[in-house]
Each structure stands twice: as C-alpha cells, then as structure tokens.
Amino acid sequence: MTSTPKAPHPTLDEEAVRHHLRTALDRRTPLAIWTAVADIPVLLAEVERLASLLTWARTEFANLLAAAYATLAAERDGEADPLSYLRDEVSAHAPDSLADGDR
C-alpha cells in the first residue's frame, strides 16, 4: 500500500501572484503596485488555511502515535486485547463500512 500522499491544493493562482509581484517590481507604477498589494489578503487566507490543515494533520498523527504507544504498553503489561487502543483510533479513520466492524 504505497500510494502517493495527497497534498492540499492551493486555493489561489500562485503564478498570477508571482506575475503581479514581478510586474510591480519591474514597472513600479501605482496600478502594478496596488494589483500586487491586492494579493495580500488572498495570501494570508491561504496561509491560515494551510496552518489549519497542518494543525489537523499533526493532531491526527499525535493521536495515532499515542494509540501505538498505548498498544505497546498494553502488550507489555499483558492486557487481554492490547490492539484495542490502535483499533479504536484506526477505526476513526476508516470508511463507514469498515468502522462498524466489517473487517
């Protein structure tokens, strides 16, 4: 199962932003500068969106890692079903058909 990780697609036209900045730096006209400045709110929104996605991904990773540690500790302590910790966390990510125990 070696699928390519999916990265979030940008919600802005990066090439247009680069073009506006290059034009503003080259021409230095009020119109070119204001066009480049108008990209700032869009860029800030994209930064905020990506920060939110990063926070979500880091939280999900931390939850899965905690479940893995709990599973290892439960196995070491001789619990009856040490995989339950990992199973519970993984089931939160499974499609609905698998989350009901149809494995």
Protein backbone atom coordinates (compact mmCIF):
# COMPACT_ATOMS: atom_id res chain seq x y z
CA MET A 1 0.00 0.00 0.00
CA THR A 2 2.36 2.68 -1.27
CA SER A 3 0.06 5.35 -2.56
CA THR A 4 1.29 8.85 -3.20
CA PRO A 5 0.41 11.19 -0.33
CA LYS A 6 -2.17 13.77 -1.22
CA ALA A 7 -1.15 17.36 -0.60
CA PRO A 8 -3.75 20.10 -0.28
CA HIS A 9 -4.24 22.03 -3.47
CA PRO A 10 -3.68 25.77 -3.25
CA THR A 11 -6.79 27.93 -3.35
CA LEU A 12 -5.01 30.69 -5.21
CA ASP A 13 -3.28 31.14 -8.53
CA GLU A 14 0.36 31.19 -7.46
CA GLU A 15 1.60 32.09 -10.92
CA ALA A 16 -0.69 35.13 -11.05
CA VAL A 17 0.60 36.29 -7.67
CA ARG A 18 4.19 35.89 -8.85
CA HIS A 19 3.36 37.77 -12.06
CA HIS A 20 1.75 40.64 -10.12
CA LEU A 21 4.81 40.92 -7.86
CA ARG A 22 7.27 40.81 -10.77
CA THR A 23 5.24 43.44 -12.63
CA ALA A 24 5.12 45.69 -9.57
CA LEU A 25 8.87 45.39 -9.04
CA ASP A 26 9.65 45.99 -12.72
CA ARG A 27 7.23 48.81 -13.52
CA ARG A 28 6.75 50.44 -10.11
CA THR A 29 3.52 52.10 -11.26
CA PRO A 30 0.68 52.69 -8.80
CA LEU A 31 -1.58 50.28 -10.68
CA ALA A 32 1.01 47.49 -10.71
CA ILE A 33 1.82 48.02 -7.02
CA TRP A 34 -1.84 48.06 -5.96
CA THR A 35 -2.50 44.93 -8.01
CA ALA A 36 0.30 43.16 -6.13
CA VAL A 37 -0.90 44.54 -2.78
CA ALA A 38 -4.41 43.24 -3.53
CA ASP A 39 -2.97 39.70 -3.43
CA ILE A 40 -2.05 40.03 0.27
CA PRO A 41 -5.48 39.10 1.73
CA VAL A 42 -5.65 36.07 -0.54
CA LEU A 43 -2.15 35.01 0.51
CA LEU A 44 -3.00 35.48 4.19
CA ALA A 45 -6.15 33.37 3.79
CA GLU A 46 -4.10 30.63 2.15
CA VAL A 47 -1.53 30.74 4.96
CA GLU A 48 -4.34 30.45 7.51
CA ARG A 49 -5.92 27.53 5.64
CA LEU A 50 -2.62 25.68 5.38
CA ALA A 51 -1.85 26.32 9.07
CA SER A 52 -5.23 24.85 9.95
CA LEU A 53 -4.56 21.77 7.80
CA LEU A 54 -1.14 21.37 9.38
CA THR A 55 -2.62 21.55 12.87
CA TRP A 56 -5.21 18.93 11.92
CA ALA A 57 -2.56 16.61 10.45
CA ARG A 58 -0.28 16.98 13.47
CA THR A 59 -3.17 16.25 15.83
CA GLU A 60 -4.15 13.15 13.86
CA PHE A 61 -0.55 11.95 13.87
CA ALA A 62 -0.26 12.55 17.62
CA ASN A 63 -3.46 10.59 18.25
CA LEU A 64 -2.24 7.65 16.16
CA LEU A 65 1.17 7.73 17.83
CA ALA A 66 -0.44 7.81 21.29
CA ALA A 67 -2.57 4.81 20.34
CA ALA A 68 0.54 2.96 19.15
CA TYR A 69 2.33 3.69 22.44
CA ALA A 70 -0.74 2.60 24.41
CA THR A 71 -0.88 -0.61 22.37
CA LEU A 72 2.78 -1.38 23.07
CA ALA A 73 2.35 -0.66 26.78
CA ALA A 74 -0.80 -2.80 26.94
CA GLU A 75 1.01 -5.69 25.26
CA ARG A 76 3.95 -5.31 27.65
CA ASP A 77 1.54 -5.29 30.61
CA GLY A 78 -0.19 -8.43 29.36
CA GLU A 79 -3.62 -6.92 28.71
CA ALA A 80 -6.12 -9.25 27.06
CA ASP A 81 -6.63 -7.11 23.92
CA PRO A 82 -3.68 -4.75 23.54
CA LEU A 83 -4.61 -3.87 19.97
CA SER A 84 -7.88 -2.29 21.11
CA TYR A 85 -6.22 1.12 21.52
CA LEU A 86 -4.86 1.11 18.00
CA ARG A 87 -8.01 -0.47 16.58
CA ASP A 88 -10.18 2.27 18.10
CA GLU A 89 -8.02 5.07 16.70
CA VAL A 90 -7.73 3.50 13.25
CA SER A 91 -11.48 2.88 13.08
CA ALA A 92 -12.00 6.62 13.45
CA HIS A 93 -10.27 6.98 10.06
CA ALA A 94 -11.90 4.04 8.30
CA PRO A 95 -14.76 4.34 5.83
CA ASP A 96 -18.19 3.83 7.40
CA SER A 97 -18.43 0.27 6.11
CA LEU A 98 -15.25 -0.69 7.96
CA ALA A 99 -15.91 1.32 11.12
CA ASP A 100 -18.83 -0.96 12.04
CA GLY A 101 -16.56 -3.96 12.40
CA ASP A 102 -16.95 -5.37 8.86
CA ARG A 103 -13.22 -6.07 8.56
